[in-house]
Amino acid sequence: MAKKQDVYYFDNFIQCAEYASQAARLLEKTMRGFDVTRLEENFQQMHAVEHAADLKKHELMENLVKAFITPIEREDIVQVSQNIDSLTDKIEDVLIRIYFNRVTRLRPDVFPLVDLVVQCCDEVQALMRQFKDFKHSKELKSHIIRINSLEEEADRLYVKCMYDLHGAENDVLEVIAWRDIYTYLEKCADAAEHIADMVEGVLMKNC
């Protein structure tokens, strides 16, 4: 089994995780400098990142079909790749909800959740770099634990945001819009945790 081919899958994971981080930082930039008149432009930029991530995932799948032997089980390669792609998709989904719900102002309590999503993506990126040498890495488990902790914090913030929303907002359309936004931000953290869980499963099978 060629070492170069072994490394290819892990390098692809790293590149796809980088797209997720790009998407998260674009979401953060859009929300920190929120401008309704630029939302469509922001959405198009986000879609370009998501599309590039899709192409990278499809490239991996095409190579996987042709591969005779793989460094980890094929099903695990597919699941890790799809979960990273799902993370990028969920980040785009947040901006889609802001866009099609015609949000004109941002609630201040959304920013800690956005910050957590950025942190989750940074940890996933670090996790993928360590995954490349998963049999010898001493840092891999710490990144898994960190992602799990961030997801728990996202759950806590999500519940608080939803509680405050339903207690303070009387406009039904605003409630519907923000329930969507908070929910998809929380789904981003869930997607990051799914990646960490998959990597932990690979560790249990192979180490």
C-alpha atoms as a PDB file:
ATOM      1  CA  MET A   1       0.000   0.000   0.000  1.00  0.00           C
ATOM      2  CA  ALA A   2       1.570   3.265  -1.100  1.00  0.00           C
ATOM      3  CA  LYS A   3       2.242   5.743   1.674  1.00  0.00           C
ATOM      4  CA  LYS A   4       1.202   8.584  -0.623  1.00  0.00           C
ATOM      5  CA  GLN A   5      -2.225   7.012  -1.080  1.00  0.00           C
ATOM      6  CA  ASP A   6      -2.578   6.542   2.676  1.00  0.00           C
ATOM      7  CA  VAL A   7      -1.906  10.202   3.304  1.00  0.00           C
ATOM      8  CA  TYR A   8      -4.255  11.377   0.543  1.00  0.00           C
ATOM      9  CA  TYR A   9      -7.457  10.712   2.524  1.00  0.00           C
ATOM     10  CA  PHE A  10      -6.215  12.503   5.625  1.00  0.00           C
ATOM     11  CA  ASP A  11      -4.996  15.468   3.580  1.00  0.00           C
ATOM     12  CA  ASN A  12      -8.437  15.654   1.992  1.00  0.00           C
ATOM     13  CA  PHE A  13     -10.044  15.693   5.455  1.00  0.00           C
ATOM     14  CA  ILE A  14      -7.747  18.567   6.438  1.00  0.00           C
ATOM     15  CA  GLN A  15      -8.623  20.552   3.309  1.00  0.00           C
ATOM     16  CA  CYS A  16     -12.355  20.014   3.840  1.00  0.00           C
ATOM     17  CA  ALA A  17     -12.029  21.057   7.495  1.00  0.00           C
ATOM     18  CA  GLU A  18     -10.317  24.235   6.287  1.00  0.00           C
ATOM     19  CA  TYR A  19     -13.384  25.009   4.174  1.00  0.00           C
ATOM     20  CA  ALA A  20     -15.572  24.575   7.256  1.00  0.00           C
ATOM     21  CA  SER A  21     -13.375  27.069   9.120  1.00  0.00           C
ATOM     22  CA  GLN A  22     -13.576  29.493   6.190  1.00  0.00           C
ATOM     23  CA  ALA A  23     -17.360  29.208   6.230  1.00  0.00           C
ATOM     24  CA  ALA A  24     -17.491  29.783  10.005  1.00  0.00           C
ATOM     25  CA  ARG A  25     -15.303  32.874   9.813  1.00  0.00           C
ATOM     26  CA  LEU A  26     -17.337  34.229   6.907  1.00  0.00           C
ATOM     27  CA  LEU A  27     -20.497  33.728   8.971  1.00  0.00           C
ATOM     28  CA  GLU A  28     -18.886  35.487  11.928  1.00  0.00           C
ATOM     29  CA  LYS A  29     -17.710  38.389   9.722  1.00  0.00           C
ATOM     30  CA  THR A  30     -21.167  38.715   8.167  1.00  0.00           C
ATOM     31  CA  MET A  31     -22.892  38.792  11.538  1.00  0.00           C
ATOM     32  CA  ARG A  32     -20.385  41.054  13.291  1.00  0.00           C
ATOM     33  CA  GLY A  33     -20.645  43.596  10.476  1.00  0.00           C
ATOM     34  CA  PHE A  34     -24.294  42.898   9.735  1.00  0.00           C
ATOM     35  CA  ASP A  35     -25.567  44.849   6.735  1.00  0.00           C
ATOM     36  CA  VAL A  36     -28.913  43.894   5.208  1.00  0.00           C
ATOM     37  CA  THR A  37     -27.935  45.419   1.864  1.00  0.00           C
ATOM     38  CA  ARG A  38     -24.963  43.024   1.585  1.00  0.00           C
ATOM     39  CA  LEU A  39     -26.722  39.830   2.649  1.00  0.00           C
ATOM     40  CA  GLU A  40     -27.140  38.482  -0.868  1.00  0.00           C
ATOM     41  CA  GLU A  41     -23.463  39.142  -1.563  1.00  0.00           C
ATOM     42  CA  ASN A  42     -22.504  37.415   1.695  1.00  0.00           C
ATOM     43  CA  PHE A  43     -24.730  34.473   0.804  1.00  0.00           C
ATOM     44  CA  GLN A  44     -23.058  34.094  -2.597  1.00  0.00           C
ATOM     45  CA  GLN A  45     -19.614  34.130  -0.962  1.00  0.00           C
ATOM     46  CA  MET A  46     -20.730  31.462   1.481  1.00  0.00           C
ATOM     47  CA  HIS A  47     -22.145  29.310  -1.296  1.00  0.00           C
ATOM     48  CA  ALA A  48     -18.830  29.504  -3.154  1.00  0.00           C
ATOM     49  CA  VAL A  49     -17.039  28.105  -0.079  1.00  0.00           C
ATOM     50  CA  GLU A  50     -19.645  25.360   0.328  1.00  0.00           C
ATOM     51  CA  HIS A  51     -19.382  24.445  -3.370  1.00  0.00           C
ATOM     52  CA  ALA A  52     -15.578  24.202  -3.177  1.00  0.00           C
ATOM     53  CA  ALA A  53     -15.958  21.916  -0.141  1.00  0.00           C
ATOM     54  CA  ASP A  54     -18.392  19.728  -2.089  1.00  0.00           C
ATOM     55  CA  LEU A  55     -15.930  19.383  -4.959  1.00  0.00           C
ATOM     56  CA  LYS A  56     -13.180  18.322  -2.559  1.00  0.00           C
ATOM     57  CA  LYS A  57     -15.486  15.717  -0.998  1.00  0.00           C
ATOM     58  CA  HIS A  58     -16.463  14.358  -4.428  1.00  0.00           C
ATOM     59  CA  GLU A  59     -12.781  14.122  -5.343  1.00  0.00           C
ATOM     60  CA  LEU A  60     -12.225  11.889  -2.315  1.00  0.00           C
ATOM     61  CA  MET A  61     -15.189   9.684  -3.229  1.00  0.00           C
ATOM     62  CA  GLU A  62     -13.888   9.242  -6.779  1.00  0.00           C
ATOM     63  CA  ASN A  63     -10.493   8.176  -5.461  1.00  0.00           C
ATOM     64  CA  LEU A  64     -12.051   5.872  -2.885  1.00  0.00           C
ATOM     65  CA  VAL A  65     -13.986   3.974  -5.576  1.00  0.00           C
ATOM     66  CA  LYS A  66     -10.718   3.171  -7.363  1.00  0.00           C
ATOM     67  CA  ALA A  67      -8.722   2.285  -4.246  1.00  0.00           C
ATOM     68  CA  PHE A  68      -7.786  -1.355  -3.608  1.00  0.00           C
ATOM     69  CA  ILE A  69      -6.615  -0.932  -0.007  1.00  0.00           C
ATOM     70  CA  THR A  70      -7.352   1.984   2.330  1.00  0.00           C
ATOM     71  CA  PRO A  71      -5.605   3.090   5.563  1.00  0.00           C
ATOM     72  CA  ILE A  72      -8.846   2.824   7.559  1.00  0.00           C
ATOM     73  CA  GLU A  73     -12.175   1.188   6.712  1.00  0.00           C
ATOM     74  CA  ARG A  74     -13.942   2.593   3.666  1.00  0.00           C
ATOM     75  CA  GLU A  75     -17.113   3.202   5.654  1.00  0.00           C
ATOM     76  CA  ASP A  76     -15.150   5.314   8.136  1.00  0.00           C
ATOM     77  CA  ILE A  77     -13.567   7.365   5.351  1.00  0.00           C
ATOM     78  CA  VAL A  78     -17.002   8.024   3.876  1.00  0.00           C
ATOM     79  CA  GLN A  79     -18.538   8.927   7.243  1.00  0.00           C
ATOM     80  CA  VAL A  80     -15.752  11.307   8.273  1.00  0.00           C
ATOM     81  CA  SER A  81     -15.859  13.010   4.871  1.00  0.00           C
ATOM     82  CA  GLN A  82     -19.646  13.354   4.912  1.00  0.00           C
ATOM     83  CA  ASN A  83     -19.671  14.673   8.479  1.00  0.00           C
ATOM     84  CA  ILE A  84     -17.106  17.366   7.677  1.00  0.00           C
ATOM     85  CA  ASP A  85     -19.178  18.313   4.640  1.00  0.00           C
ATOM     86  CA  SER A  86     -22.290  18.410   6.822  1.00  0.00           C
ATOM     87  CA  LEU A  87     -20.557  20.891   9.146  1.00  0.00           C
ATOM     88  CA  THR A  88     -19.925  23.274   6.248  1.00  0.00           C
ATOM     89  CA  ASP A  89     -23.501  22.782   5.024  1.00  0.00           C
ATOM     90  CA  LYS A  90     -24.941  23.610   8.455  1.00  0.00           C
ATOM     91  CA  ILE A  91     -22.912  26.821   8.631  1.00  0.00           C
ATOM     92  CA  GLU A  92     -24.273  27.849   5.243  1.00  0.00           C
ATOM     93  CA  ASP A  93     -27.762  26.944   6.501  1.00  0.00           C
ATOM     94  CA  VAL A  94     -27.469  29.566   9.262  1.00  0.00           C
ATOM     95  CA  LEU A  95     -26.851  32.307   6.704  1.00  0.00           C
ATOM     96  CA  ILE A  96     -29.625  30.952   4.481  1.00  0.00           C
ATOM     97  CA  ARG A  97     -32.066  31.292   7.400  1.00  0.00           C
ATOM     98  CA  ILE A  98     -30.973  34.864   8.054  1.00  0.00           C
ATOM     99  CA  TYR A  99     -31.363  35.616   4.356  1.00  0.00           C
ATOM    100  CA  PHE A 100     -34.740  34.074   3.548  1.00  0.00           C
ATOM    101  CA  ASN A 101     -36.305  35.069   6.873  1.00  0.00           C
ATOM    102  CA  ARG A 102     -35.408  38.660   5.913  1.00  0.00           C
ATOM    103  CA  VAL A 103     -33.768  39.359   9.256  1.00  0.00           C
ATOM    104  CA  THR A 104     -33.067  43.080   9.635  1.00  0.00           C
ATOM    105  CA  ARG A 105     -31.417  43.123  13.057  1.00  0.00           C
ATOM    106  CA  LEU A 106     -29.406  40.630  15.061  1.00  0.00           C
ATOM    107  CA  ARG A 107     -30.156  39.680  18.642  1.00  0.00           C
ATOM    108  CA  PRO A 108     -27.049  40.234  20.825  1.00  0.00           C
ATOM    109  CA  ASP A 109     -27.221  36.765  22.366  1.00  0.00           C
ATOM    110  CA  VAL A 110     -26.476  35.168  18.990  1.00  0.00           C
ATOM    111  CA  PHE A 111     -22.814  36.187  19.029  1.00  0.00           C
ATOM    112  CA  PRO A 112     -21.583  33.785  21.742  1.00  0.00           C
ATOM    113  CA  LEU A 113     -23.130  30.930  19.729  1.00  0.00           C
ATOM    114  CA  VAL A 114     -21.405  32.123  16.558  1.00  0.00           C
ATOM    115  CA  ASP A 115     -18.112  32.319  18.445  1.00  0.00           C
ATOM    116  CA  LEU A 116     -18.596  28.732  19.603  1.00  0.00           C
ATOM    117  CA  VAL A 117     -19.159  27.575  16.032  1.00  0.00           C
ATOM    118  CA  VAL A 118     -15.870  29.195  14.995  1.00  0.00           C
ATOM    119  CA  GLN A 119     -14.113  27.490  17.903  1.00  0.00           C
ATOM    120  CA  CYS A 120     -15.668  24.142  16.959  1.00  0.00           C
ATOM    121  CA  CYS A 121     -14.388  24.480  13.397  1.00  0.00           C
ATOM    122  CA  ASP A 122     -10.909  25.434  14.580  1.00  0.00           C
ATOM    123  CA  GLU A 123     -10.853  22.348  16.799  1.00  0.00           C
ATOM    124  CA  VAL A 124     -12.080  20.128  13.952  1.00  0.00           C
ATOM    125  CA  GLN A 125      -9.282  21.491  11.794  1.00  0.00           C
ATOM    126  CA  ALA A 126      -6.729  20.731  14.532  1.00  0.00           C
ATOM    127  CA  LEU A 127      -8.305  17.299  15.008  1.00  0.00           C
ATOM    128  CA  MET A 128      -7.911  16.462  11.332  1.00  0.00           C
ATOM    129  CA  ARG A 129      -4.252  17.469  11.380  1.00  0.00           C
ATOM    130  CA  GLN A 130      -3.671  15.042  14.251  1.00  0.00           C
ATOM    131  CA  PHE A 131      -5.855  12.359  12.655  1.00  0.00           C
ATOM    132  CA  LYS A 132      -3.260  12.047   9.907  1.00  0.00           C
ATOM    133  CA  ASP A 133      -0.983  10.363  12.467  1.00  0.00           C
ATOM    134  CA  PHE A 134      -3.740   8.915  14.674  1.00  0.00           C
ATOM    135  CA  LYS A 135      -1.753   5.863  15.782  1.00  0.00           C
ATOM    136  CA  HIS A 136       0.958   8.018  17.340  1.00  0.00           C
ATOM    137  CA  SER A 137      -0.673  11.368  18.093  1.00  0.00           C
ATOM    138  CA  LYS A 138      -0.686  12.436  21.735  1.00  0.00           C
ATOM    139  CA  GLU A 139      -3.027  15.373  21.084  1.00  0.00           C
ATOM    140  CA  LEU A 140      -5.888  13.699  19.254  1.00  0.00           C
ATOM    141  CA  LYS A 141      -7.938  12.812  22.331  1.00  0.00           C
ATOM    142  CA  SER A 142      -7.609  16.296  23.792  1.00  0.00           C
ATOM    143  CA  HIS A 143      -9.179  17.767  20.641  1.00  0.00           C
ATOM    144  CA  ILE A 144     -12.031  15.235  20.854  1.00  0.00           C
ATOM    145  CA  ILE A 145     -12.666  16.215  24.478  1.00  0.00           C
ATOM    146  CA  ARG A 146     -12.494  19.914  23.607  1.00  0.00           C
ATOM    147  CA  ILE A 147     -15.063  19.523  20.810  1.00  0.00           C
ATOM    148  CA  ASN A 148     -17.382  17.624  23.150  1.00  0.00           C
ATOM    149  CA  SER A 149     -17.063  20.419  25.722  1.00  0.00           C
ATOM    150  CA  LEU A 150     -17.808  23.093  23.117  1.00  0.00           C
ATOM    151  CA  GLU A 151     -20.899  21.180  21.997  1.00  0.00           C
ATOM    152  CA  GLU A 152     -22.141  21.007  25.586  1.00  0.00           C
ATOM    153  CA  GLU A 153     -21.638  24.753  25.952  1.00  0.00           C
ATOM    154  CA  ALA A 154     -23.501  25.303  22.674  1.00  0.00           C
ATOM    155  CA  ASP A 155     -26.410  23.262  24.051  1.00  0.00           C
ATOM    156  CA  ARG A 156     -26.475  25.418  27.170  1.00  0.00           C
ATOM    157  CA  LEU A 157     -26.436  28.672  25.188  1.00  0.00           C
ATOM    158  CA  TYR A 158     -29.060  27.347  22.791  1.00  0.00           C
ATOM    159  CA  VAL A 159     -31.498  26.595  25.608  1.00  0.00           C
ATOM    160  CA  LYS A 160     -30.914  30.033  27.157  1.00  0.00           C
ATOM    161  CA  CYS A 161     -31.358  31.819  23.804  1.00  0.00           C
ATOM    162  CA  MET A 162     -34.598  29.966  23.102  1.00  0.00           C
ATOM    163  CA  TYR A 163     -35.896  30.621  26.618  1.00  0.00           C
ATOM    164  CA  ASP A 164     -35.164  34.336  26.371  1.00  0.00           C
ATOM    165  CA  LEU A 165     -36.601  34.537  22.850  1.00  0.00           C
ATOM    166  CA  HIS A 166     -39.955  33.097  23.866  1.00  0.00           C
ATOM    167  CA  GLY A 167     -40.109  35.267  26.943  1.00  0.00           C
ATOM    168  CA  ALA A 168     -39.218  38.614  25.388  1.00  0.00           C
ATOM    169  CA  GLU A 169     -40.349  38.545  21.734  1.00  0.00           C
ATOM    170  CA  ASN A 170     -43.999  39.159  20.815  1.00  0.00           C
ATOM    171  CA  ASP A 171     -43.615  39.209  17.030  1.00  0.00           C
ATOM    172  CA  VAL A 172     -44.476  35.680  15.842  1.00  0.00           C
ATOM    173  CA  LEU A 173     -42.443  36.012  12.639  1.00  0.00           C
ATOM    174  CA  GLU A 174     -39.413  37.115  14.646  1.00  0.00           C
ATOM    175  CA  VAL A 175     -39.799  34.113  16.927  1.00  0.00           C
ATOM    176  CA  ILE A 176     -40.011  31.735  13.955  1.00  0.00           C
ATOM    177  CA  ALA A 177     -36.969  33.301  12.276  1.00  0.00           C
ATOM    178  CA  TRP A 178     -34.796  33.226  15.370  1.00  0.00           C
ATOM    179  CA  ARG A 179     -35.817  29.727  16.385  1.00  0.00           C
ATOM    180  CA  ASP A 180     -34.469  28.685  12.982  1.00  0.00           C
ATOM    181  CA  ILE A 181     -31.213  30.601  13.386  1.00  0.00           C
ATOM    182  CA  TYR A 182     -30.485  29.381  16.917  1.00  0.00           C
ATOM    183  CA  THR A 183     -31.356  25.814  15.958  1.00  0.00           C
ATOM    184  CA  TYR A 184     -28.991  25.740  13.000  1.00  0.00           C
ATOM    185  CA  LEU A 185     -26.172  27.267  15.017  1.00  0.00           C
ATOM    186  CA  GLU A 186     -26.642  24.490  17.553  1.00  0.00           C
ATOM    187  CA  LYS A 187     -26.668  21.953  14.701  1.00  0.00           C
ATOM    188  CA  CYS A 188     -23.232  23.245  13.667  1.00  0.00           C
ATOM    189  CA  ALA A 189     -21.863  22.286  17.082  1.00  0.00           C
ATOM    190  CA  ASP A 190     -23.617  18.906  16.818  1.00  0.00           C
ATOM    191  CA  ALA A 191     -21.985  18.327  13.412  1.00  0.00           C
ATOM    192  CA  ALA A 192     -18.552  19.046  14.907  1.00  0.00           C
ATOM    193  CA  GLU A 193     -19.234  16.551  17.695  1.00  0.00           C
ATOM    194  CA  HIS A 194     -20.269  13.901  15.144  1.00  0.00           C
ATOM    195  CA  ILE A 195     -16.847  14.304  13.494  1.00  0.00           C
ATOM    196  CA  ALA A 196     -15.094  13.901  16.846  1.00  0.00           C
ATOM    197  CA  ASP A 197     -17.184  10.809  17.618  1.00  0.00           C
ATOM    198  CA  MET A 198     -16.293   9.255  14.259  1.00  0.00           C
ATOM    199  CA  VAL A 199     -12.580   9.843  14.837  1.00  0.00           C
ATOM    200  CA  GLU A 200     -12.858   8.351  18.310  1.00  0.00           C
ATOM    201  CA  GLY A 201     -14.532   5.298  16.765  1.00  0.00           C
ATOM    202  CA  VAL A 202     -11.661   4.902  14.299  1.00  0.00           C
ATOM    203  CA  LEU A 203      -9.201   5.082  17.207  1.00  0.00           C
ATOM    204  CA  MET A 204     -11.040   2.312  19.044  1.00  0.00           C
ATOM    205  CA  LYS A 205     -10.970   0.071  15.970  1.00  0.00           C
ATOM    206  CA  ASN A 206      -7.348   0.647  14.991  1.00  0.00           C
ATOM    207  CA  CYS A 207      -5.290   1.390  18.106  1.00  0.00           C
END
